[in-house]
C-alpha atoms as a PDB file:
ATOM      1  CA  MET A   1      -0.009   0.155  -0.200  1.00  0.00           C
ATOM      2  CA  ARG A   2       2.759   2.311   0.741  1.00  0.00           C
ATOM      3  CA  ARG A   3       4.247   1.617  -2.664  1.00  0.00           C
ATOM      4  CA  LEU A   4       0.938   2.886  -4.202  1.00  0.00           C
ATOM      5  CA  ARG A   5       1.173   5.993  -2.221  1.00  0.00           C
ATOM      6  CA  TRP A   6       4.536   6.877  -3.588  1.00  0.00           C
ATOM      7  CA  LEU A   7       3.894   5.826  -7.278  1.00  0.00           C
ATOM      8  CA  PHE A   8       0.643   7.943  -7.471  1.00  0.00           C
ATOM      9  CA  PRO A   9       2.522  11.446  -7.229  1.00  0.00           C
ATOM     10  CA  ILE A  10       5.153  10.062  -9.545  1.00  0.00           C
ATOM     11  CA  ALA A  11       2.589   9.155 -12.147  1.00  0.00           C
ATOM     12  CA  VAL A  12       1.030  12.527 -12.358  1.00  0.00           C
ATOM     13  CA  LEU A  13       4.321  14.446 -11.944  1.00  0.00           C
ATOM     14  CA  LEU A  14       6.031  12.585 -14.870  1.00  0.00           C
ATOM     15  CA  PRO A  15       3.776  13.880 -17.722  1.00  0.00           C
ATOM     16  CA  CYS A  16       4.172  17.486 -16.586  1.00  0.00           C
ATOM     17  CA  ARG A  17       7.998  17.114 -16.730  1.00  0.00           C
ATOM     18  CA  LEU A  18       7.740  15.895 -19.984  1.00  0.00           C
ATOM     19  CA  PHE A  19       5.485  18.359 -21.109  1.00  0.00           C
ATOM     20  CA  ALA A  20       7.984  21.114 -19.858  1.00  0.00           C
ATOM     21  CA  TRP A  21      10.830  19.694 -22.057  1.00  0.00           C
ATOM     22  CA  ASP A  22       8.687  20.601 -25.175  1.00  0.00           C
ATOM     23  CA  ASP A  23       9.196  24.272 -24.739  1.00  0.00           C
ATOM     24  CA  THR A  24      12.900  24.065 -25.075  1.00  0.00           C
ATOM     25  CA  VAL A  25      14.609  27.170 -26.384  1.00  0.00           C
ATOM     26  CA  ARG A  26      16.125  26.877 -29.982  1.00  0.00           C
ATOM     27  CA  ALA A  27      19.958  27.353 -29.392  1.00  0.00           C
ATOM     28  CA  ARG A  28      22.325  28.446 -32.021  1.00  0.00           C
ATOM     29  CA  VAL A  29      26.136  27.930 -32.170  1.00  0.00           C
ATOM     30  CA  ALA A  30      28.215  29.896 -34.607  1.00  0.00           C
ATOM     31  CA  THR A  31      31.879  30.321 -35.595  1.00  0.00           C
ATOM     32  CA  LEU A  32      33.051  33.997 -36.953  1.00  0.00           C
ATOM     33  CA  THR A  33      35.951  35.545 -38.178  1.00  0.00           C
ATOM     34  CA  ILE A  34      37.348  38.553 -36.509  1.00  0.00           C
ATOM     35  CA  ASN A  35      36.354  41.817 -38.137  1.00  0.00           C
ATOM     36  CA  PRO A  36      36.787  44.933 -36.319  1.00  0.00           C
ATOM     37  CA  ALA A  37      34.752  46.840 -38.655  1.00  0.00           C
ATOM     38  CA  GLN A  38      31.735  44.690 -38.148  1.00  0.00           C
ATOM     39  CA  VAL A  39      29.244  44.663 -35.193  1.00  0.00           C
ATOM     40  CA  THR A  40      27.831  41.196 -34.182  1.00  0.00           C
ATOM     41  CA  VAL A  41      24.448  40.870 -32.784  1.00  0.00           C
ATOM     42  CA  LEU A  42      24.185  38.427 -29.858  1.00  0.00           C
ATOM     43  CA  HIS A  43      20.495  37.144 -28.966  1.00  0.00           C
ATOM     44  CA  LEU A  44      20.261  36.646 -25.501  1.00  0.00           C
ATOM     45  CA  ARG A  45      17.192  35.423 -23.216  1.00  0.00           C
ATOM     46  CA  PRO A  46      16.819  35.592 -19.481  1.00  0.00           C
ATOM     47  CA  GLU A  47      17.702  32.612 -17.247  1.00  0.00           C
ATOM     48  CA  PHE A  48      20.231  31.394 -19.981  1.00  0.00           C
ATOM     49  CA  GLU A  49      24.036  32.189 -20.335  1.00  0.00           C
ATOM     50  CA  SER A  50      25.788  32.525 -23.623  1.00  0.00           C
ATOM     51  CA  VAL A  51      29.588  32.143 -23.857  1.00  0.00           C
ATOM     52  CA  ILE A  52      31.819  33.900 -26.186  1.00  0.00           C
ATOM     53  CA  ARG A  53      35.120  32.522 -27.094  1.00  0.00           C
ATOM     54  CA  MET A  54      38.227  34.383 -28.545  1.00  0.00           C
ATOM     55  CA  PRO A  55      41.413  32.855 -30.203  1.00  0.00           C
ATOM     56  CA  GLU A  56      43.805  34.198 -27.595  1.00  0.00           C
ATOM     57  CA  GLU A  57      43.902  35.809 -24.009  1.00  0.00           C
ATOM     58  CA  ILE A  58      41.483  38.534 -23.331  1.00  0.00           C
ATOM     59  CA  THR A  59      42.625  41.494 -21.504  1.00  0.00           C
ATOM     60  CA  SER A  60      39.661  43.683 -21.311  1.00  0.00           C
ATOM     61  CA  VAL A  61      35.975  43.597 -21.451  1.00  0.00           C
ATOM     62  CA  ILE A  62      33.564  46.548 -21.669  1.00  0.00           C
ATOM     63  CA  LEU A  63      30.149  46.395 -21.012  1.00  0.00           C
ATOM     64  CA  GLY A  64      27.497  49.297 -22.009  1.00  0.00           C
ATOM     65  CA  SER A  65      24.766  48.422 -19.692  1.00  0.00           C
ATOM     66  CA  PRO A  66      25.617  46.744 -16.319  1.00  0.00           C
ATOM     67  CA  GLY A  67      22.266  47.234 -15.144  1.00  0.00           C
ATOM     68  CA  ASN A  68      20.771  45.156 -17.728  1.00  0.00           C
ATOM     69  CA  PHE A  69      23.236  42.548 -18.545  1.00  0.00           C
ATOM     70  CA  LYS A  70      26.030  40.842 -16.834  1.00  0.00           C
ATOM     71  CA  ALA A  71      29.597  39.915 -18.539  1.00  0.00           C
ATOM     72  CA  GLU A  72      32.040  37.855 -16.718  1.00  0.00           C
ATOM     73  CA  HIS A  73      35.631  37.022 -17.487  1.00  0.00           C
ATOM     74  CA  ASN A  74      38.277  35.546 -15.315  1.00  0.00           C
ATOM     75  CA  GLU A  75      42.024  34.705 -15.481  1.00  0.00           C
ATOM     76  CA  GLY A  76      41.254  30.994 -15.124  1.00  0.00           C
ATOM     77  CA  GLU A  77      39.581  30.967 -18.432  1.00  0.00           C
ATOM     78  CA  PRO A  78      41.488  33.728 -20.473  1.00  0.00           C
ATOM     79  CA  ASP A  79      39.695  32.975 -23.649  1.00  0.00           C
ATOM     80  CA  TYR A  80      36.175  33.033 -22.448  1.00  0.00           C
ATOM     81  CA  VAL A  81      33.456  35.705 -21.742  1.00  0.00           C
ATOM     82  CA  TYR A  82      30.231  34.540 -20.188  1.00  0.00           C
ATOM     83  CA  VAL A  83      26.985  36.913 -20.913  1.00  0.00           C
ATOM     84  CA  LYS A  84      23.461  36.936 -19.779  1.00  0.00           C
ATOM     85  CA  PRO A  85      20.582  39.363 -19.074  1.00  0.00           C
ATOM     86  CA  ILE A  86      19.853  40.139 -15.533  1.00  0.00           C
ATOM     87  CA  THR A  87      16.482  41.570 -16.278  1.00  0.00           C
ATOM     88  CA  LYS A  88      13.282  40.050 -17.686  1.00  0.00           C
ATOM     89  CA  GLN A  89      12.218  43.039 -19.603  1.00  0.00           C
ATOM     90  CA  PRO A  90      13.329  43.521 -23.175  1.00  0.00           C
ATOM     91  CA  ALA A  91      17.044  45.202 -23.067  1.00  0.00           C
ATOM     92  CA  GLN A  92      19.857  46.086 -25.530  1.00  0.00           C
ATOM     93  CA  SER A  93      23.344  47.174 -24.980  1.00  0.00           C
ATOM     94  CA  ASN A  94      26.758  46.980 -26.352  1.00  0.00           C
ATOM     95  CA  LEU A  95      29.983  44.789 -25.531  1.00  0.00           C
ATOM     96  CA  LEU A  96      33.666  45.353 -26.835  1.00  0.00           C
ATOM     97  CA  ILE A  97      36.058  42.558 -26.162  1.00  0.00           C
ATOM     98  CA  ALA A  98      39.808  43.090 -26.735  1.00  0.00           C
ATOM     99  CA  THR A  99      42.759  40.610 -26.801  1.00  0.00           C
ATOM    100  CA  LYS A 100      46.326  40.826 -25.950  1.00  0.00           C
ATOM    101  CA  SER A 101      47.471  41.168 -29.493  1.00  0.00           C
ATOM    102  CA  GLY A 102      45.402  44.448 -30.163  1.00  0.00           C
ATOM    103  CA  GLN A 103      42.386  42.576 -31.958  1.00  0.00           C
ATOM    104  CA  HIS A 104      38.983  43.534 -30.962  1.00  0.00           C
ATOM    105  CA  VAL A 105      35.336  42.406 -31.446  1.00  0.00           C
ATOM    106  CA  THR A 106      32.241  44.891 -31.007  1.00  0.00           C
ATOM    107  CA  LEU A 107      28.863  43.127 -30.060  1.00  0.00           C
ATOM    108  CA  THR A 108      25.074  44.225 -29.940  1.00  0.00           C
ATOM    109  CA  LEU A 109      23.466  42.515 -26.925  1.00  0.00           C
ATOM    110  CA  LEU A 110      19.732  41.878 -27.534  1.00  0.00           C
ATOM    111  CA  SER A 111      17.406  40.461 -25.142  1.00  0.00           C
ATOM    112  CA  ASP A 112      13.643  40.022 -26.064  1.00  0.00           C
ATOM    113  CA  GLY A 113      12.666  39.737 -22.248  1.00  0.00           C
ATOM    114  CA  VAL A 114      10.141  37.042 -21.221  1.00  0.00           C
ATOM    115  CA  GLY A 115       6.647  37.121 -22.138  1.00  0.00           C
ATOM    116  CA  THR A 116       6.862  38.933 -25.496  1.00  0.00           C
ATOM    117  CA  ALA A 117       5.933  37.870 -28.570  1.00  0.00           C
ATOM    118  CA  SER A 118       9.421  37.330 -29.931  1.00  0.00           C
ATOM    119  CA  SER A 119      10.875  35.817 -26.508  1.00  0.00           C
ATOM    120  CA  SER A 120      10.720  32.203 -28.310  1.00  0.00           C
ATOM    121  CA  ALA A 121      13.354  33.392 -30.901  1.00  0.00           C
ATOM    122  CA  ALA A 122      16.702  31.394 -30.954  1.00  0.00           C
ATOM    123  CA  VAL A 123      19.262  32.182 -28.530  1.00  0.00           C
ATOM    124  CA  ASP A 124      22.995  32.220 -29.177  1.00  0.00           C
ATOM    125  CA  PHE A 125      24.594  29.800 -26.798  1.00  0.00           C
ATOM    126  CA  LEU A 126      28.132  30.043 -28.097  1.00  0.00           C
ATOM    127  CA  ILE A 127      29.935  32.543 -30.436  1.00  0.00           C
ATOM    128  CA  GLU A 128      33.501  31.385 -31.350  1.00  0.00           C
ATOM    129  CA  TYR A 129      35.850  33.788 -32.756  1.00  0.00           C
ATOM    130  CA  ARG A 130      38.943  32.964 -34.955  1.00  0.00           C
ATOM    131  CA  ASN A 131      41.688  35.012 -36.631  1.00  0.00           C
ATOM    132  CA  ALA A 132      40.899  36.663 -39.980  1.00  0.00           C
ATOM    133  CA  GLN A 133      43.751  34.432 -41.648  1.00  0.00           C
ATOM    134  CA  SER A 134      45.377  31.213 -40.486  1.00  0.00           C
ATOM    135  CA  PHE A 135      48.303  29.669 -42.348  1.00  0.00           C
ATOM    136  CA  LEU A 136      46.581  26.261 -41.192  1.00  0.00           C
ATOM    137  CA  VAL A 137      43.217  26.797 -42.615  1.00  0.00           C
ATOM    138  CA  VAL A 138      43.431  27.130 -46.116  1.00  0.00           C
ATOM    139  CA  SER A 139      39.831  28.224 -46.663  1.00  0.00           C
ATOM    140  CA  ASP A 140      40.202  31.379 -44.787  1.00  0.00           C
ATOM    141  CA  ALA A 141      41.971  33.102 -47.695  1.00  0.00           C
ATOM    142  CA  GLY A 142      38.674  33.316 -49.312  1.00  0.00           C
ATOM    143  CA  LEU A 143      37.098  35.102 -46.289  1.00  0.00           C
ATOM    144  CA  PRO A 144      36.129  38.848 -46.769  1.00  0.00           C
ATOM    145  CA  GLY A 145      38.736  41.048 -45.147  1.00  0.00           C
ATOM    146  CA  SER A 146      41.112  38.491 -44.733  1.00  0.00           C
ATOM    147  CA  GLN A 147      43.756  40.056 -46.943  1.00  0.00           C
ATOM    148  CA  GLU A 148      43.122  43.385 -45.412  1.00  0.00           C
ATOM    149  CA  ALA A 149      43.740  42.019 -41.920  1.00  0.00           C
ATOM    150  CA  SER A 150      46.742  40.146 -42.878  1.00  0.00           C
ATOM    151  CA  GLY A 151      48.149  43.521 -44.218  1.00  0.00           C
ATOM    152  CA  ALA A 152      47.343  45.411 -40.970  1.00  0.00           C
ATOM    153  CA  ARG A 153      49.309  42.741 -39.012  1.00  0.00           C
ATOM    154  CA  THR A 154      52.198  43.177 -41.289  1.00  0.00           C
ATOM    155  CA  GLU A 155      52.190  46.937 -40.525  1.00  0.00           C
ATOM    156  CA  GLN A 156      51.941  46.644 -36.917  1.00  0.00           C
ATOM    157  CA  ALA A 157      54.998  44.072 -36.822  1.00  0.00           C
ATOM    158  CA  ALA A 158      56.838  46.848 -38.933  1.00  0.00           C
ATOM    159  CA  ARG A 159      56.031  49.561 -36.562  1.00  0.00           C
ATOM    160  CA  ARG A 160      56.916  47.528 -33.379  1.00  0.00           C
ATOM    161  CA  ALA A 161      60.283  46.805 -35.016  1.00  0.00           C
ATOM    162  CA  SER A 162      60.628  50.646 -35.586  1.00  0.00           C
ATOM    163  CA  PRO A 163      61.171  53.759 -33.430  1.00  0.00           C
ATOM    164  CA  VAL A 164      57.895  55.088 -32.200  1.00  0.00           C
ATOM    165  CA  ASN A 165      58.095  58.126 -34.685  1.00  0.00           C
ATOM    166  CA  GLY A 166      59.740  56.399 -37.592  1.00  0.00           C
ATOM    167  CA  ALA A 167      58.219  55.588 -41.191  1.00  0.00           C
ATOM    168  CA  LEU A 168      57.729  52.245 -42.249  1.00  0.00           C
ATOM    169  CA  GLY A 169      60.719  50.395 -43.500  1.00  0.00           C
ATOM    170  CA  PRO A 170      61.292  49.397 -47.027  1.00  0.00           C
ATOM    171  CA  SER A 171      60.307  45.726 -46.142  1.00  0.00           C
ATOM    172  CA  VAL A 172      56.466  46.669 -46.249  1.00  0.00           C
ATOM    173  CA  THR A 173      56.199  47.273 -49.659  1.00  0.00           C
ATOM    174  CA  ALA A 174      52.543  46.480 -49.942  1.00  0.00           C
ATOM    175  CA  SER A 175      50.450  47.113 -53.473  1.00  0.00           C
ATOM    176  CA  PRO A 176      49.216  50.427 -53.970  1.00  0.00           C
ATOM    177  CA  PRO A 177      46.124  51.427 -51.825  1.00  0.00           C
ATOM    178  CA  SER A 178      42.794  50.550 -53.507  1.00  0.00           C
ATOM    179  CA  SER A 179      40.757  53.295 -52.113  1.00  0.00           C
ATOM    180  CA  ALA A 180      41.252  57.008 -50.651  1.00  0.00           C
ATOM    181  CA  PHE A 181      40.414  55.612 -47.303  1.00  0.00           C
ATOM    182  CA  ASP A 182      43.478  53.360 -47.496  1.00  0.00           C
ATOM    183  CA  VAL A 183      45.622  56.497 -48.642  1.00  0.00           C
ATOM    184  CA  GLU A 184      44.468  58.345 -45.546  1.00  0.00           C
ATOM    185  CA  TYR A 185      45.439  55.607 -43.152  1.00  0.00           C
ATOM    186  CA  GLU A 186      48.794  55.059 -44.647  1.00  0.00           C
ATOM    187  CA  GLN A 187      49.587  58.860 -44.819  1.00  0.00           C
ATOM    188  CA  GLN A 188      48.922  58.893 -40.870  1.00  0.00           C
ATOM    189  CA  VAL A 189      50.949  55.794 -40.301  1.00  0.00           C
ATOM    190  CA  ARG A 190      53.898  57.407 -42.120  1.00  0.00           C
ATOM    191  CA  MET A 191      53.824  60.888 -40.395  1.00  0.00           C
ATOM    192  CA  ASN A 192      56.968  60.973 -38.594  1.00  0.00           C
ATOM    193  CA  ALA A 193      56.500  63.701 -35.993  1.00  0.00           C
ATOM    194  CA  PRO A 194      52.842  64.407 -35.164  1.00  0.00           C
ATOM    195  CA  VAL A 195      51.941  67.184 -32.759  1.00  0.00           C
ATOM    196  CA  TRP A 196      50.851  65.599 -29.473  1.00  0.00           C
ATOM    197  CA  THR A 197      48.275  67.065 -27.345  1.00  0.00           C
ATOM    198  CA  LYS A 198      48.446  66.206 -23.730  1.00  0.00           C
ATOM    199  CA  TRP A 199      45.227  65.455 -21.534  1.00  0.00           C
ATOM    200  CA  GLU A 200      44.998  66.176 -17.837  1.00  0.00           C
ATOM    201  CA  GLY A 201      44.493  63.121 -15.964  1.00  0.00           C
ATOM    202  CA  LYS A 202      45.217  60.540 -19.072  1.00  0.00           C
ATOM    203  CA  GLN A 203      47.853  58.244 -20.024  1.00  0.00           C
ATOM    204  CA  ILE A 204      47.539  58.915 -23.557  1.00  0.00           C
ATOM    205  CA  GLU A 205      48.340  61.888 -26.038  1.00  0.00           C
ATOM    206  CA  THR A 206      46.677  62.520 -29.314  1.00  0.00           C
ATOM    207  CA  SER A 207      47.299  63.918 -32.715  1.00  0.00           C
ATOM    208  CA  VAL A 208      44.799  64.806 -35.571  1.00  0.00           C
ATOM    209  CA  GLY A 209      46.003  64.503 -39.141  1.00  0.00           C
ATOM    210  CA  ASP A 210      43.879  65.194 -42.128  1.00  0.00           C
ATOM    211  CA  VAL A 211      40.190  66.025 -42.188  1.00  0.00           C
ATOM    212  CA  ARG A 212      38.613  65.425 -45.486  1.00  0.00           C
ATOM    213  CA  GLN A 213      35.051  65.634 -47.001  1.00  0.00           C
ATOM    214  CA  TRP A 214      33.921  63.226 -49.445  1.00  0.00           C
ATOM    215  CA  ARG A 215      30.713  63.838 -50.926  1.00  0.00           C
ATOM    216  CA  ASN A 216      28.494  63.671 -47.647  1.00  0.00           C
ATOM    217  CA  GLU A 217      30.961  61.870 -45.593  1.00  0.00           C
ATOM    218  CA  THR A 218      33.946  62.857 -43.496  1.00  0.00           C
ATOM    219  CA  VAL A 219      37.266  61.111 -42.869  1.00  0.00           C
ATOM    220  CA  VAL A 220      39.547  61.813 -39.873  1.00  0.00           C
ATOM    221  CA  SER A 221      42.778  60.477 -39.351  1.00  0.00           C
ATOM    222  CA  TYR A 222      44.543  60.418 -35.932  1.00  0.00           C
ATOM    223  CA  SER A 223      47.376  59.002 -33.791  1.00  0.00           C
ATOM    224  CA  ILE A 224      47.506  57.867 -30.130  1.00  0.00           C
ATOM    225  CA  PHE A 225      50.815  57.804 -28.111  1.00  0.00           C
ATOM    226  CA  ASN A 226      51.180  56.196 -24.522  1.00  0.00           C
ATOM    227  CA  SER A 227      53.192  58.592 -22.706  1.00  0.00           C
ATOM    228  CA  SER A 228      52.945  56.791 -19.215  1.00  0.00           C
ATOM    229  CA  ASN A 229      55.151  53.996 -18.029  1.00  0.00           C
ATOM    230  CA  GLN A 230      51.959  51.544 -17.896  1.00  0.00           C
ATOM    231  CA  PRO A 231      50.437  49.588 -20.802  1.00  0.00           C
ATOM    232  CA  VAL A 232      46.976  51.312 -21.790  1.00  0.00           C
ATOM    233  CA  GLU A 233      44.258  50.151 -23.904  1.00  0.00           C
ATOM    234  CA  VAL A 234      41.886  52.367 -26.282  1.00  0.00           C
ATOM    235  CA  VAL A 235      38.580  51.876 -27.560  1.00  0.00           C
ATOM    236  CA  PRO A 236      37.110  52.252 -31.231  1.00  0.00           C
ATOM    237  CA  PRO A 237      36.647  56.047 -32.000  1.00  0.00           C
ATOM    238  CA  GLN A 238      33.399  57.569 -31.835  1.00  0.00           C
ATOM    239  CA  ILE A 239      31.833  60.979 -33.449  1.00  0.00           C
ATOM    240  CA  GLN A 240      29.967  63.239 -31.139  1.00  0.00           C
ATOM    241  CA  ILE A 241      27.723  66.046 -32.095  1.00  0.00           C
ATOM    242  CA  THR A 242      26.926  68.309 -28.959  1.00  0.00           C
ATOM    243  CA  GLY A 243      24.626  71.451 -28.588  1.00  0.00           C
ATOM    244  CA  GLN A 244      23.030  73.868 -26.217  1.00  0.00           C
ATOM    245  CA  LYS A 245      19.459  73.133 -25.404  1.00  0.00           C
ATOM    246  CA  ALA A 246      17.431  76.355 -26.189  1.00  0.00           C
ATOM    247  CA  GLY A 247      16.063  78.176 -23.550  1.00  0.00           C
ATOM    248  CA  LYS A 248      15.433  81.711 -22.305  1.00  0.00           C
ATOM    249  CA  LYS A 249      16.968  81.436 -19.029  1.00  0.00           C
ATOM    250  CA  LYS A 250      20.701  81.189 -18.584  1.00  0.00           C
ATOM    251  CA  LYS A 251      21.572  77.783 -16.833  1.00  0.00           C
ATOM    252  CA  LYS A 252      24.584  76.642 -14.839  1.00  0.00           C
ATOM    253  CA  GLU A 253      27.419  75.326 -16.785  1.00  0.00           C
ATOM    254  CA  GLY A 254      26.919  71.807 -17.833  1.00  0.00           C
ATOM    255  CA  GLN A 255      23.040  72.081 -17.728  1.00  0.00           C
ATOM    256  CA  GLY A 256      20.965  71.873 -21.027  1.00  0.00           C
ATOM    257  CA  ILE A 257      23.599  70.251 -23.052  1.00  0.00           C
ATOM    258  CA  LEU A 258      22.362  67.830 -25.793  1.00  0.00           C
ATOM    259  CA  SER A 259      24.853  65.329 -27.469  1.00  0.00           C
ATOM    260  CA  ASP A 260      24.050  62.406 -29.873  1.00  0.00           C
ATOM    261  CA  GLN A 261      26.618  59.900 -31.588  1.00  0.00           C
ATOM    262  CA  LEU A 262      26.776  60.186 -35.310  1.00  0.00           C
ATOM    263  CA  GLN A 263      27.078  56.588 -37.108  1.00  0.00           C
ATOM    264  CA  VAL A 264      30.767  55.587 -37.935  1.00  0.00           C
ATOM    265  CA  ARG A 265      30.684  54.196 -41.492  1.00  0.00           C
ATOM    266  CA  ASP A 266      34.268  52.569 -41.222  1.00  0.00           C
ATOM    267  CA  TYR A 267      37.265  53.070 -39.161  1.00  0.00           C
ATOM    268  CA  ARG A 268      40.769  51.578 -38.745  1.00  0.00           C
ATOM    269  CA  LEU A 269      43.045  51.228 -35.798  1.00  0.00           C
ATOM    270  CA  SER A 270      46.410  49.764 -35.913  1.00  0.00           C
ATOM    271  CA  ALA A 271      46.256  48.696 -32.160  1.00  0.00           C
ATOM    272  CA  THR A 272      44.263  48.900 -29.228  1.00  0.00           C
ATOM    273  CA  ARG A 273      46.820  47.852 -26.746  1.00  0.00           C
ATOM    274  CA  LEU A 274      49.557  50.230 -26.214  1.00  0.00           C
ATOM    275  CA  GLU A 275      52.891  49.508 -24.081  1.00  0.00           C
ATOM    276  CA  PRO A 276      54.561  52.332 -22.897  1.00  0.00           C
ATOM    277  CA  GLY A 277      56.041  54.615 -25.367  1.00  0.00           C
ATOM    278  CA  GLY A 278      53.675  52.831 -27.976  1.00  0.00           C
ATOM    279  CA  ARG A 279      51.602  54.497 -30.667  1.00  0.00           C
ATOM    280  CA  ALA A 280      48.550  53.602 -32.645  1.00  0.00           C
ATOM    281  CA  ASP A 281      47.313  55.204 -35.890  1.00  0.00           C
ATOM    282  CA  GLY A 282      43.591  55.164 -36.983  1.00  0.00           C
ATOM    283  CA  VAL A 283      41.169  56.637 -39.467  1.00  0.00           C
ATOM    284  CA  VAL A 284      37.626  56.872 -38.978  1.00  0.00           C
ATOM    285  CA  GLU A 285      34.753  57.720 -41.648  1.00  0.00           C
ATOM    286  CA  PHE A 286      31.333  59.013 -40.709  1.00  0.00           C
ATOM    287  CA  ASP A 287      28.080  60.554 -42.111  1.00  0.00           C
ATOM    288  CA  ARG A 288      28.190  64.198 -41.491  1.00  0.00           C
ATOM    289  CA  PRO A 289      24.891  65.835 -41.152  1.00  0.00           C
ATOM    290  CA  ASN A 290      23.928  68.206 -43.931  1.00  0.00           C
ATOM    291  CA  PHE A 291      23.276  70.880 -41.521  1.00  0.00           C
ATOM    292  CA  LYS A 292      23.266  71.939 -37.695  1.00  0.00           C
ATOM    293  CA  GLN A 293      22.470  74.398 -35.397  1.00  0.00           C
ATOM    294  CA  SER A 294      24.736  77.529 -34.414  1.00  0.00           C
ATOM    295  CA  THR A 295      25.288  76.027 -31.006  1.00  0.00           C
ATOM    296  CA  GLU A 296      26.073  72.556 -32.018  1.00  0.00           C
ATOM    297  CA  ARG A 297      29.752  71.223 -32.344  1.00  0.00           C
ATOM    298  CA  LEU A 298      31.423  68.172 -33.949  1.00  0.00           C
ATOM    299  CA  PHE A 299      33.838  66.045 -31.954  1.00  0.00           C
ATOM    300  CA  LEU A 300      36.193  63.112 -32.250  1.00  0.00           C
ATOM    301  CA  GLN A 301      35.531  60.808 -29.318  1.00  0.00           C
ATOM    302  CA  LEU A 302      38.558  58.892 -28.118  1.00  0.00           C
ATOM    303  CA  ALA A 303      38.808  57.042 -24.719  1.00  0.00           C
ATOM    304  CA  GLN A 304      40.976  54.809 -22.859  1.00  0.00           C
ATOM    305  CA  ALA A 305      39.291  51.323 -22.082  1.00  0.00           C
ATOM    306  CA  ASP A 306      39.217  52.093 -18.259  1.00  0.00           C
ATOM    307  CA  GLN A 307      37.765  55.705 -18.648  1.00  0.00           C
ATOM    308  CA  VAL A 308      35.067  55.227 -21.396  1.00  0.00           C
ATOM    309  CA  ASP A 309      33.012  57.695 -19.050  1.00  0.00           C
ATOM    310  CA  ARG A 310      35.642  60.261 -19.410  1.00  0.00           C
ATOM    311  CA  PRO A 311      36.567  60.404 -23.084  1.00  0.00           C
ATOM    312  CA  ILE A 312      38.720  62.840 -25.027  1.00  0.00           C
ATOM    313  CA  LEU A 313      36.749  65.206 -27.287  1.00  0.00           C
ATOM    314  CA  ILE A 314      38.462  66.771 -30.231  1.00  0.00           C
ATOM    315  CA  ARG A 315      36.905  69.566 -32.051  1.00  0.00           C
ATOM    316  CA  LEU A 316      36.454  68.916 -35.624  1.00  0.00           C
ATOM    317  CA  PRO A 317      35.403  71.576 -38.294  1.00  0.00           C
ATOM    318  CA  PHE A 318      32.002  71.122 -39.897  1.00  0.00           C
ATOM    319  CA  THR A 319      33.123  71.793 -43.229  1.00  0.00           C
ATOM    320  CA  PRO A 320      36.270  70.529 -43.882  1.00  0.00           C
ATOM    321  CA  PRO A 321      38.230  70.710 -47.230  1.00  0.00           C
ATOM    322  CA  ILE A 322      36.878  68.587 -49.917  1.00  0.00           C
ATOM    323  CA  ALA A 323      39.055  65.582 -51.121  1.00  0.00           C
ATOM    324  CA  SER A 324      40.130  65.530 -54.758  1.00  0.00           C
ATOM    325  CA  ASP A 325      40.868  61.684 -54.473  1.00  0.00           C
ATOM    326  CA  ASP A 326      38.266  59.693 -56.653  1.00  0.00           C
ATOM    327  CA  ARG A 327      36.822  56.859 -54.405  1.00  0.00           C
END
């Protein structure tokens, strides 16, 4: 009789357990090639943890919204980052992961939440990144951007072997640049003695090169120098437009300021990790607005990875010289 008392609840609960398994979330696993110019969308879901694996040791993880997502990385597993939503409401944020060789990936974290119409969408359980080109994988040669990434690594190696302000040596004899964007980047890399600007409380100094306009797009070349005695990491460039909010009464300094980020069409940065005395060169291309208010200002936004909330803002001309290069 006792056995029957125990078997009856089990017989009732077993079908319920099997029914719950029918609602299993659809999982996705993907292998991607590192491309700093692309943004990967990572689909997440509350109560599930997603894994990002890099091909080498991770040095920094920057999360845009710690109040909605959690990103974990520890020295015991140097190649992994664990990400999950910590709210059951729909949420979105960005995530930047940098490695010891200076490579980085940018992701958009997207969580549909619980109880929404799209909450049953597939979830990315594992995203595994690999280098853009490998001598061991022949098929990688056909991937988009593989040749460009290989050239960037060659230039980085040449710069590490030469003084900070030295030009590229004759050993780097690449084919002629295929676009005006490449020309701007090469010219900035070869600039021997940029005029550096120091910033209070920063480990880095900056220098802005050419600012050119291509149709309705603007390109800015720049350099970053680590003048401290400690390694430093920098994040990809952004473009900010800032203006004064209209009002009759005069407000205190810092109040009534409106700022917005403009879309970055393309950028290139030779390195994100700078050793003491190290230099990085970059170029950024963005869509310039057709017009602005008289109080609005355009800025190149650069930041150290450990001070993203205190970026360096470099004033840019709204109407730069028009480039004669045929793109």
